PDB file of N, CA and C in Angstrom:
ATOM      1  N   MET A   1     -13.462  -5.861 -38.003  1.00  0.00           N
ATOM      2  CA  MET A   1     -14.290  -4.566 -37.965  1.00  0.00           C
ATOM      3  C   MET A   1     -14.320  -4.480 -36.192  1.00  0.00           C
ATOM      4  N   ALA A   2     -15.188  -5.699 -35.834  1.00  0.00           N
ATOM      5  CA  ALA A   2     -15.254  -5.904 -34.327  1.00  0.00           C
ATOM      6  C   ALA A   2     -14.287  -5.696 -33.336  1.00  0.00           C
ATOM      7  N   GLN A   3     -12.912  -6.111 -33.707  1.00  0.00           N
ATOM      8  CA  GLN A   3     -11.761  -5.812 -33.146  1.00  0.00           C
ATOM      9  C   GLN A   3     -11.369  -4.331 -33.261  1.00  0.00           C
ATOM     10  N   THR A   4     -11.611  -4.001 -34.236  1.00  0.00           N
ATOM     11  CA  THR A   4     -11.054  -2.317 -34.137  1.00  0.00           C
ATOM     12  C   THR A   4     -12.035  -1.302 -33.128  1.00  0.00           C
ATOM     13  N   HIS A   5     -13.230  -1.844 -33.388  1.00  0.00           N
ATOM     14  CA  HIS A   5     -14.287  -1.458 -32.453  1.00  0.00           C
ATOM     15  C   HIS A   5     -13.884  -1.382 -30.829  1.00  0.00           C
ATOM     16  N   HIS A   6     -13.528  -3.080 -30.616  1.00  0.00           N
ATOM     17  CA  HIS A   6     -13.317  -2.863 -28.946  1.00  0.00           C
ATOM     18  C   HIS A   6     -11.622  -2.354 -29.084  1.00  0.00           C
ATOM     19  N   ASN A   7     -10.688  -2.526 -29.560  1.00  0.00           N
ATOM     20  CA  ASN A   7      -9.542  -1.822 -29.420  1.00  0.00           C
ATOM     21  C   ASN A   7      -9.780  -0.193 -29.299  1.00  0.00           C
ATOM     22  N   ASN A   8     -10.479   0.362 -29.829  1.00  0.00           N
ATOM     23  CA  ASN A   8     -10.906   1.913 -29.665  1.00  0.00           C
ATOM     24  C   ASN A   8     -11.433   2.309 -28.389  1.00  0.00           C
ATOM     25  N   ALA A   9     -12.648   1.405 -28.108  1.00  0.00           N
ATOM     26  CA  ALA A   9     -13.307   1.494 -26.699  1.00  0.00           C
ATOM     27  C   ALA A   9     -12.334   1.268 -26.005  1.00  0.00           C
ATOM     28  N   PHE A  10     -11.345   0.257 -25.714  1.00  0.00           N
ATOM     29  CA  PHE A  10     -10.362   0.143 -24.965  1.00  0.00           C
ATOM     30  C   PHE A  10      -9.511   1.288 -24.852  1.00  0.00           C
ATOM     31  N   THR A  11      -8.762   1.760 -25.729  1.00  0.00           N
ATOM     32  CA  THR A  11      -8.438   2.988 -26.018  1.00  0.00           C
ATOM     33  C   THR A  11      -8.689   4.273 -25.268  1.00  0.00           C
ATOM     34  N   THR A  12     -10.173   4.214 -25.735  1.00  0.00           N
ATOM     35  CA  THR A  12     -10.931   5.752 -25.105  1.00  0.00           C
ATOM     36  C   THR A  12     -10.940   5.374 -23.594  1.00  0.00           C
ATOM     37  N   ALA A  13     -11.323   4.099 -23.164  1.00  0.00           N
ATOM     38  CA  ALA A  13     -11.515   3.972 -21.583  1.00  0.00           C
ATOM     39  C   ALA A  13     -10.071   4.026 -21.253  1.00  0.00           C
ATOM     40  N   SER A  14      -9.201   3.741 -21.577  1.00  0.00           N
ATOM     41  CA  SER A  14      -7.584   3.954 -21.076  1.00  0.00           C
ATOM     42  C   SER A  14      -7.172   5.459 -20.892  1.00  0.00           C
ATOM     43  N   ALA A  15      -7.826   6.081 -21.849  1.00  0.00           N
ATOM     44  CA  ALA A  15      -7.489   7.682 -22.066  1.00  0.00           C
ATOM     45  C   ALA A  15      -7.999   8.310 -21.149  1.00  0.00           C
ATOM     46  N   THR A  16      -9.340   8.064 -20.651  1.00  0.00           N
ATOM     47  CA  THR A  16     -10.171   8.515 -19.513  1.00  0.00           C
ATOM     48  C   THR A  16      -9.555   8.076 -18.477  1.00  0.00           C
ATOM     49  N   SER A  17      -9.366   6.806 -18.167  1.00  0.00           N
ATOM     50  CA  SER A  17      -8.607   6.423 -17.004  1.00  0.00           C
ATOM     51  C   SER A  17      -7.455   6.731 -16.917  1.00  0.00           C
ATOM     52  N   GLN A  18      -6.332   7.323 -17.640  1.00  0.00           N
ATOM     53  CA  GLN A  18      -5.497   7.827 -17.519  1.00  0.00           C
ATOM     54  C   GLN A  18      -5.320   9.338 -16.827  1.00  0.00           C
ATOM     55  N   HIS A  19      -6.518  10.055 -17.431  1.00  0.00           N
ATOM     56  CA  HIS A  19      -6.811  11.431 -17.186  1.00  0.00           C
ATOM     57  C   HIS A  19      -7.261  11.425 -15.706  1.00  0.00           C
ATOM     58  N   SER A  20      -8.252  10.595 -15.568  1.00  0.00           N
ATOM     59  CA  SER A  20      -8.654  10.262 -14.152  1.00  0.00           C
ATOM     60  C   SER A  20      -7.738  10.373 -13.087  1.00  0.00           C
ATOM     61  N   LEU A  21      -6.600   9.452 -13.304  1.00  0.00           N
ATOM     62  CA  LEU A  21      -5.637   9.171 -12.609  1.00  0.00           C
ATOM     63  C   LEU A  21      -4.592  10.221 -11.949  1.00  0.00           C
ATOM     64  N   ARG A  22      -4.277  11.045 -13.316  1.00  0.00           N
ATOM     65  CA  ARG A  22      -3.548  12.162 -13.438  1.00  0.00           C
ATOM     66  C   ARG A  22      -4.363  13.272 -12.373  1.00  0.00           C
ATOM     67  N   GLN A  23      -5.588  13.314 -12.656  1.00  0.00           N
ATOM     68  CA  GLN A  23      -6.236  14.678 -11.806  1.00  0.00           C
ATOM     69  C   GLN A  23      -6.270  13.997 -10.420  1.00  0.00           C
ATOM     70  N   LEU A  24      -6.286  12.766 -10.006  1.00  0.00           N
ATOM     71  CA  LEU A  24      -6.376  12.297  -8.850  1.00  0.00           C
ATOM     72  C   LEU A  24      -4.887  12.843  -8.116  1.00  0.00           C
ATOM     73  N   VAL A  25      -4.087  12.260  -8.711  1.00  0.00           N
ATOM     74  CA  VAL A  25      -2.316  12.405  -8.428  1.00  0.00           C
ATOM     75  C   VAL A  25      -2.510  14.014  -8.285  1.00  0.00           C
ATOM     76  N   ARG A  26      -2.741  14.861  -8.985  1.00  0.00           N
ATOM     77  CA  ARG A  26      -2.600  16.233  -8.809  1.00  0.00           C
ATOM     78  C   ARG A  26      -3.297  16.743  -7.708  1.00  0.00           C
ATOM     79  N   THR A  27      -4.796  16.268  -7.578  1.00  0.00           N
ATOM     80  CA  THR A  27      -5.222  16.482  -6.194  1.00  0.00           C
ATOM     81  C   THR A  27      -4.574  16.123  -4.812  1.00  0.00           C
ATOM     82  N   GLN A  28      -4.194  14.916  -4.928  1.00  0.00           N
ATOM     83  CA  GLN A  28      -3.640  14.508  -3.717  1.00  0.00           C
ATOM     84  C   GLN A  28      -2.546  15.052  -3.412  1.00  0.00           C
ATOM     85  N   ILE A  29      -1.573  15.288  -4.315  1.00  0.00           N
ATOM     86  CA  ILE A  29      -0.300  16.171  -3.986  1.00  0.00           C
ATOM     87  C   ILE A  29      -0.475  17.409  -3.437  1.00  0.00           C
ATOM     88  N   THR A  30      -1.239  17.999  -4.013  1.00  0.00           N
ATOM     89  CA  THR A  30      -1.940  19.110  -3.599  1.00  0.00           C
ATOM     90  C   THR A  30      -2.248  19.085  -2.069  1.00  0.00           C
ATOM     91  N   GLU A  31      -2.959  18.099  -1.597  1.00  0.00           N
ATOM     92  CA  GLU A  31      -3.658  18.042  -0.350  1.00  0.00           C
ATOM     93  C   GLU A  31      -2.296  17.063   0.778  1.00  0.00           C
ATOM     94  N   TYR A  32      -1.509  16.804  -0.149  1.00  0.00           N
ATOM     95  CA  TYR A  32      -0.296  16.255   0.785  1.00  0.00           C
ATOM     96  C   TYR A  32       0.668  17.543   0.972  1.00  0.00           C
ATOM     97  N   SER A  33       0.751  18.185   0.285  1.00  0.00           N
ATOM     98  CA  SER A  33       1.718  19.658   0.538  1.00  0.00           C
ATOM     99  C   SER A  33       0.884  20.469   1.256  1.00  0.00           C
ATOM    100  N   ARG A  34      -0.257  20.573   1.425  1.00  0.00           N
ATOM    101  CA  ARG A  34      -1.186  21.394   2.393  1.00  0.00           C
ATOM    102  C   ARG A  34      -0.783  20.687   3.709  1.00  0.00           C
ATOM    103  N   LEU A  35      -0.771  19.337   3.912  1.00  0.00           N
ATOM    104  CA  LEU A  35      -0.685  18.577   5.235  1.00  0.00           C
ATOM    105  C   LEU A  35       0.594  18.734   5.855  1.00  0.00           C
ATOM    106  N   THR A  36       1.327  18.358   4.904  1.00  0.00           N
ATOM    107  CA  THR A  36       2.801  18.574   5.292  1.00  0.00           C
ATOM    108  C   THR A  36       3.252  19.978   5.930  1.00  0.00           C
ATOM    109  N   GLN A  37       2.744  21.145   5.094  1.00  0.00           N
ATOM    110  CA  GLN A  37       2.890  22.463   5.738  1.00  0.00           C
ATOM    111  C   GLN A  37       2.400  22.732   7.114  1.00  0.00           C
ATOM    112  N   ASN A  38       0.915  22.247   6.965  1.00  0.00           N
ATOM    113  CA  ASN A  38       0.371  22.119   8.403  1.00  0.00           C
ATOM    114  C   ASN A  38       0.977  21.356   9.462  1.00  0.00           C
ATOM    115  N   LEU A  39       1.577  20.266   9.156  1.00  0.00           N
ATOM    116  CA  LEU A  39       2.399  19.639   9.920  1.00  0.00           C
ATOM    117  C   LEU A  39       3.554  20.266  10.373  1.00  0.00           C
ATOM    118  N   PHE A  40       4.600  20.856   9.743  1.00  0.00           N
ATOM    119  CA  PHE A  40       5.718  21.532   9.748  1.00  0.00           C
ATOM    120  C   PHE A  40       5.535  22.732  10.714  1.00  0.00           C
ATOM    121  N   THR A  41       4.261  23.407  10.395  1.00  0.00           N
ATOM    122  CA  THR A  41       3.882  24.632  11.184  1.00  0.00           C
ATOM    123  C   THR A  41       3.466  24.535  12.593  1.00  0.00           C
ATOM    124  N   SER A  42       2.901  23.294  12.405  1.00  0.00           N
ATOM    125  CA  SER A  42       2.353  22.585  14.106  1.00  0.00           C
ATOM    126  C   SER A  42       3.775  22.363  14.982  1.00  0.00           C
ATOM    127  N   LEU A  43       4.601  21.691  14.551  1.00  0.00           N
ATOM    128  CA  LEU A  43       5.795  21.198  15.388  1.00  0.00           C
ATOM    129  C   LEU A  43       6.573  22.086  15.457  1.00  0.00           C
ATOM    130  N   ASP A  44       6.482  23.083  14.620  1.00  0.00           N
ATOM    131  CA  ASP A  44       7.455  24.592  14.973  1.00  0.00           C
ATOM    132  C   ASP A  44       6.748  25.420  16.215  1.00  0.00           C
ATOM    133  N   ALA A  45       5.394  25.428  16.163  1.00  0.00           N
ATOM    134  CA  ALA A  45       4.654  25.975  17.088  1.00  0.00           C
ATOM    135  C   ALA A  45       4.973  25.037  18.527  1.00  0.00           C
ATOM    136  N   LEU A  46       5.163  24.139  18.646  1.00  0.00           N
ATOM    137  CA  LEU A  46       5.156  23.056  19.906  1.00  0.00           C
ATOM    138  C   LEU A  46       6.625  23.175  20.159  1.00  0.00           C
ATOM    139  N   ALA A  47       7.454  23.487  19.287  1.00  0.00           N
ATOM    140  CA  ALA A  47       8.793  23.779  19.771  1.00  0.00           C
ATOM    141  C   ALA A  47       9.024  25.095  20.477  1.00  0.00           C
ATOM    142  N   ASP A  48       8.156  25.831  19.699  1.00  0.00           N
ATOM    143  CA  ASP A  48       8.233  27.602  20.509  1.00  0.00           C
ATOM    144  C   ASP A  48       7.499  27.375  21.612  1.00  0.00           C
ATOM    145  N   GLY A  49       6.947  26.249  22.079  1.00  0.00           N
ATOM    146  CA  GLY A  49       6.222  26.528  23.218  1.00  0.00           C
ATOM    147  C   GLY A  49       4.573  27.104  23.111  1.00  0.00           C
ATOM    148  N   LYS A  50       4.344  27.248  21.849  1.00  0.00           N
ATOM    149  CA  LYS A  50       2.971  27.602  21.413  1.00  0.00           C
ATOM    150  C   LYS A  50       2.059  26.548  21.340  1.00  0.00           C
ATOM    151  N   GLY A  51       0.696  26.897  21.322  1.00  0.00           N
ATOM    152  CA  GLY A  51      -0.528  25.976  21.429  1.00  0.00           C
ATOM    153  C   GLY A  51      -0.491  26.166  19.534  1.00  0.00           C
ATOM    154  N   THR A  52      -1.333  24.814  19.330  1.00  0.00           N
ATOM    155  CA  THR A  52      -1.494  24.582  17.783  1.00  0.00           C
ATOM    156  C   THR A  52      -2.633  24.637  17.401  1.00  0.00           C
ATOM    157  N   PRO A  53      -2.954  24.938  15.871  1.00  0.00           N
ATOM    158  CA  PRO A  53      -4.563  24.460  15.813  1.00  0.00           C
ATOM    159  C   PRO A  53      -4.864  23.180  15.440  1.00  0.00           C
ATOM    160  N   SER A  54      -3.830  22.372  15.241  1.00  0.00           N
ATOM    161  CA  SER A  54      -3.645  20.983  14.805  1.00  0.00           C
ATOM    162  C   SER A  54      -2.759  20.269  15.232  1.00  0.00           C
ATOM    163  N   VAL A  55      -2.911  19.052  16.023  1.00  0.00           N
ATOM    164  CA  VAL A  55      -2.444  18.217  16.728  1.00  0.00           C
ATOM    165  C   VAL A  55      -1.344  17.436  15.643  1.00  0.00           C
ATOM    166  N   PRO A  56      -0.250  17.233  15.703  1.00  0.00           N
ATOM    167  CA  PRO A  56       0.732  16.924  14.792  1.00  0.00           C
ATOM    168  C   PRO A  56       0.218  15.374  14.650  1.00  0.00           C
ATOM    169  N   ASN A  57      -0.424  14.703  15.424  1.00  0.00           N
ATOM    170  CA  ASN A  57      -0.434  13.205  15.302  1.00  0.00           C
ATOM    171  C   ASN A  57      -1.673  12.866  14.564  1.00  0.00           C
ATOM    172  N   ASP A  58      -2.225  13.887  14.534  1.00  0.00           N
ATOM    173  CA  ASP A  58      -3.900  14.030  13.589  1.00  0.00           C
ATOM    174  C   ASP A  58      -3.285  14.275  12.303  1.00  0.00           C
ATOM    175  N   ILE A  59      -2.633  15.061  12.190  1.00  0.00           N
ATOM    176  CA  ILE A  59      -2.046  15.469  10.564  1.00  0.00           C
ATOM    177  C   ILE A  59      -1.243  14.414   9.987  1.00  0.00           C
ATOM    178  N   MET A  60      -0.394  13.597  10.836  1.00  0.00           N
ATOM    179  CA  MET A  60       0.142  12.459  10.180  1.00  0.00           C
ATOM    180  C   MET A  60      -0.973  11.320  10.207  1.00  0.00           C
ATOM    181  N   LYS A  61      -1.989  11.140  10.878  1.00  0.00           N
ATOM    182  CA  LYS A  61      -2.889  10.060  10.066  1.00  0.00           C
ATOM    183  C   LYS A  61      -3.625  10.438   9.112  1.00  0.00           C
ATOM    184  N   GLN A  62      -3.758  11.867   9.013  1.00  0.00           N
ATOM    185  CA  GLN A  62      -4.442  12.340   7.504  1.00  0.00           C
ATOM    186  C   GLN A  62      -3.625  11.978   6.294  1.00  0.00           C
ATOM    187  N   ILE A  63      -2.109  12.201   6.690  1.00  0.00           N
ATOM    188  CA  ILE A  63      -1.149  12.246   5.560  1.00  0.00           C
ATOM    189  C   ILE A  63      -1.115  10.443   5.206  1.00  0.00           C
ATOM    190  N   VAL A  64      -1.308   9.710   6.208  1.00  0.00           N
ATOM    191  CA  VAL A  64      -1.143   8.569   6.158  1.00  0.00           C
ATOM    192  C   VAL A  64      -2.325   7.674   5.429  1.00  0.00           C
ATOM    193  N   GLN A  65      -3.588   8.028   5.725  1.00  0.00           N
ATOM    194  CA  GLN A  65      -4.766   7.958   5.035  1.00  0.00           C
ATOM    195  C   GLN A  65      -4.955   8.193   3.525  1.00  0.00           C
ATOM    196  N   LEU A  66      -4.150   9.588   3.420  1.00  0.00           N
ATOM    197  CA  LEU A  66      -4.142   9.985   1.735  1.00  0.00           C
ATOM    198  C   LEU A  66      -2.915   9.266   1.257  1.00  0.00           C
ATOM    199  N   ASP A  67      -1.879   8.750   1.726  1.00  0.00           N
ATOM    200  CA  ASP A  67      -1.001   8.059   0.824  1.00  0.00           C
ATOM    201  C   ASP A  67      -2.044   6.670   0.888  1.00  0.00           C
ATOM    202  N   SER A  68      -2.774   6.219   1.762  1.00  0.00           N
ATOM    203  CA  SER A  68      -3.253   4.912   1.350  1.00  0.00           C
ATOM    204  C   SER A  68      -4.294   5.027   0.033  1.00  0.00           C
ATOM    205  N   THR A  69      -4.955   6.190   0.339  1.00  0.00           N
ATOM    206  CA  THR A  69      -6.091   6.347  -0.997  1.00  0.00           C
ATOM    207  C   THR A  69      -5.292   6.268  -2.406  1.00  0.00           C
ATOM    208  N   LEU A  70      -4.370   6.860  -2.405  1.00  0.00           N
ATOM    209  CA  LEU A  70      -3.533   7.274  -3.669  1.00  0.00           C
ATOM    210  C   LEU A  70      -3.023   5.836  -4.073  1.00  0.00           C
ATOM    211  N   MET A  71      -2.458   5.094  -3.164  1.00  0.00           N
ATOM    212  CA  MET A  71      -1.956   4.031  -3.681  1.00  0.00           C
ATOM    213  C   MET A  71      -2.728   2.952  -4.159  1.00  0.00           C
ATOM    214  N   GLY A  72      -3.854   3.131  -3.420  1.00  0.00           N
ATOM    215  CA  GLY A  72      -5.274   2.306  -3.943  1.00  0.00           C
ATOM    216  C   GLY A  72      -5.598   2.497  -5.230  1.00  0.00           C
ATOM    217  N   ALA A  73      -5.642   4.072  -5.520  1.00  0.00           N
ATOM    218  CA  ALA A  73      -6.057   4.454  -6.640  1.00  0.00           C
ATOM    219  C   ALA A  73      -5.522   4.084  -7.732  1.00  0.00           C
ATOM    220  N   VAL A  74      -3.716   4.114  -7.743  1.00  0.00           N
ATOM    221  CA  VAL A  74      -3.008   3.730  -8.532  1.00  0.00           C
ATOM    222  C   VAL A  74      -2.703   2.484  -8.827  1.00  0.00           C
ATOM    223  N   GLU A  75      -3.289   1.816  -7.861  1.00  0.00           N
ATOM    224  CA  GLU A  75      -3.174   0.037  -8.054  1.00  0.00           C
ATOM    225  C   GLU A  75      -4.346  -0.503  -9.165  1.00  0.00           C
ATOM    226  N   LYS A  76      -5.376   0.459  -8.969  1.00  0.00           N
ATOM    227  CA  LYS A  76      -6.559  -0.112  -9.074  1.00  0.00           C
ATOM    228  C   LYS A  76      -6.438   0.408 -11.031  1.00  0.00           C
ATOM    229  N   SER A  77      -6.031   1.409 -10.943  1.00  0.00           N
ATOM    230  CA  SER A  77      -5.813   1.985 -12.623  1.00  0.00           C
ATOM    231  C   SER A  77      -4.706   1.197 -13.374  1.00  0.00           C
ATOM    232  N   THR A  78      -3.789   0.860 -12.577  1.00  0.00           N
ATOM    233  CA  THR A  78      -2.754   0.031 -13.422  1.00  0.00           C
ATOM    234  C   THR A  78      -3.240  -1.629 -13.896  1.00  0.00           C
ATOM    235  N   LYS A  79      -4.230  -1.877 -13.544  1.00  0.00           N
ATOM    236  CA  LYS A  79      -4.612  -3.313 -13.851  1.00  0.00           C
ATOM    237  C   LYS A  79      -5.600  -2.889 -15.230  1.00  0.00           C
ATOM    238  N   ASN A  80      -5.378  -3.756 -16.329  1.00  0.00           N
ATOM    239  CA  ASN A  80      -6.341  -3.372 -17.546  1.00  0.00           C
ATOM    240  C   ASN A  80      -7.510  -4.489 -17.459  1.00  0.00           C
ATOM    241  N   ALA A  81      -8.006  -4.780 -18.368  1.00  0.00           N
ATOM    242  CA  ALA A  81      -9.251  -5.546 -18.828  1.00  0.00           C
ATOM    243  C   ALA A  81      -9.034  -6.761 -18.549  1.00  0.00           C
ATOM    244  N   SER A  82      -7.593  -7.593 -18.616  1.00  0.00           N
ATOM    245  CA  SER A  82      -7.437  -8.461 -18.569  1.00  0.00           C
ATOM    246  C   SER A  82      -6.774  -9.066 -17.189  1.00  0.00           C
ATOM    247  N   GLY A  83      -6.355  -7.964 -16.310  1.00  0.00           N
ATOM    248  CA  GLY A  83      -5.748  -8.178 -15.133  1.00  0.00           C
ATOM    249  C   GLY A  83      -4.406  -7.982 -15.123  1.00  0.00           C
ATOM    250  N   GLU A  84      -3.680  -7.621 -16.097  1.00  0.00           N
ATOM    251  CA  GLU A  84      -2.532  -7.590 -16.253  1.00  0.00           C
ATOM    252  C   GLU A  84      -1.917  -6.268 -15.655  1.00  0.00           C
ATOM    253  N   GLU A  85      -0.355  -6.237 -15.224  1.00  0.00           N
ATOM    254  CA  GLU A  85      -0.039  -5.013 -14.583  1.00  0.00           C
ATOM    255  C   GLU A  85       0.183  -3.949 -15.962  1.00  0.00           C
ATOM    256  N   CYS A  86       0.042  -2.646 -15.781  1.00  0.00           N
ATOM    257  CA  CYS A  86      -0.049  -1.891 -16.805  1.00  0.00           C
ATOM    258  C   CYS A  86       1.221  -0.748 -16.428  1.00  0.00           C
ATOM    259  N   ALA A  87       2.074  -0.129 -17.036  1.00  0.00           N
ATOM    260  CA  ALA A  87       2.791   0.744 -16.843  1.00  0.00           C
ATOM    261  C   ALA A  87       2.254   1.752 -16.183  1.00  0.00           C
ATOM    262  N   LEU A  88       3.092   2.521 -15.124  1.00  0.00           N
ATOM    263  CA  LEU A  88       2.689   3.736 -14.757  1.00  0.00           C
ATOM    264  C   LEU A  88       3.364   5.017 -14.951  1.00  0.00           C
ATOM    265  N   ALA A  89       3.795   4.904 -16.460  1.00  0.00           N
ATOM    266  CA  ALA A  89       4.430   6.042 -17.095  1.00  0.00           C
ATOM    267  C   ALA A  89       3.167   7.034 -17.221  1.00  0.00           C
ATOM    268  N   PHE A  90       2.161   6.742 -17.685  1.00  0.00           N
ATOM    269  CA  PHE A  90       1.361   7.752 -17.981  1.00  0.00           C
ATOM    270  C   PHE A  90       0.674   8.566 -16.835  1.00  0.00           C
ATOM    271  N   ALA A  91       0.927   7.918 -15.536  1.00  0.00           N
ATOM    272  CA  ALA A  91       0.566   8.677 -14.436  1.00  0.00           C
ATOM    273  C   ALA A  91       1.551  10.111 -14.201  1.00  0.00           C
ATOM    274  N   PHE A  92       2.688   9.966 -14.296  1.00  0.00           N
ATOM    275  CA  PHE A  92       3.839  10.912 -13.912  1.00  0.00           C
ATOM    276  C   PHE A  92       4.530  10.946 -15.508  1.00  0.00           C
ATOM    277  N   PRO A  93       4.063  11.788 -16.309  1.00  0.00           N
ATOM    278  CA  PRO A  93       4.371  12.327 -17.692  1.00  0.00           C
ATOM    279  C   PRO A  93       5.732  13.041 -17.172  1.00  0.00           C
ATOM    280  N   PRO A  94       6.573  12.970 -18.363  1.00  0.00           N
ATOM    281  CA  PRO A  94       7.924  14.019 -17.958  1.00  0.00           C
ATOM    282  C   PRO A  94       7.796  15.092 -18.175  1.00  0.00           C
TER     283      PRO A  94
END
């Protein structure tokens, strides 16, 4: 009976972790999209000889930081209680 309770607790924690990762991925992809759009808008303005509200290098730094944050969250969430790697299929459902 204790084993069943442990398995249920792990399943619940795993489901919560999966939901949290999905939400994080969605949020990060939305932010990545926004930053990418800003980058191309900024580059287009530079190509036209206009001033830009954001410096392309600053936007690129934000994109790199965002990528690092996302990869860290994915790596952390793919570890289960025993430290073994888990599948990432839950993070990107079909």
